[in-house]
Amino acid sequence: MILLLEYVSIQTCKFFLQRKQLITGSLDKSVLLWNLENPEYRPIKLLGHTQGIFDVSLSPNGTLIASCSSDQTLKIWDNSLLWQGHTFQSYKQHSAPIKSCNFSCDNKLIVTGSNDTLVKIFNVVTKKSVSTLSAHTNWLKCTRFSNDGNLIISCGDDKKAIIWDVVKELPVQTYILKS
C-alpha cells in the first residue's frame, strides 16, 4: 500500500520496531509518526519547529523522540504524550541550523551537531546543556554516541571525523580526509 500525503521532501527517518513506528522529519517543518501495523492510518504530526527538519532520533527505550531543524532548535517529544501535541523540552543553544541529533544508550543525554561548527551535549533529565565541544572548522553533518555512551563521533564539511571522550570533553582521535 502507498499512502500519498501533501508533505514535502522527507529529510530523515528512523524505525522503532518495538512499537511498530516509523518517524520522519520533513522540510515542511513536521515530524511525522507513522503506524507500521496500519499504514492506512494518517501519521501523527508533531508541530513546533518553524523551519525544516534535518534529523530525528529515538531514545533507546522508545520514550522520547528528538528532532532538530534549520530553526536552530532541538525539540524533544514525550512518545507517551504525543496525543497532547506539545514538546517535552525545547533547546535553542546553537547559532545556526542543527543538522544532527542522537540519544545516548542510557536515554539521559543527547548530542547535536550544527552549522555553527559546534557539538553540544544536553541532559534530558536535568533539561540543561552539559557541554560544548569545539574542534571543527566547518559545518557539521553527523553526531553519534558510541554503543556504550562513552564516546561521541562528529563529522562535517571540514573533512574531519572527530572522536570525543564524553566525560573529559576532549578529542580522543581525529581523522582527516585527504583530497
Foldseek 3Di string as FASTA:
>chain_A
DDDDDDFDDWQEWDADVVQQWIWTWFQVQWIWIARNVCNVDGTQTAHDDPGGWQYWEAAPVRQWIWIFFQSQKIFIQGPVCCVVRDTPAMDRDDPGGWREKYAANVRQKMWIFFQSQWIWIAGPVVRGTDDIAHDDDGGWHYWYADNNRQWIWTDDPQQKIFIAGPVVSGTPDIDHDDD
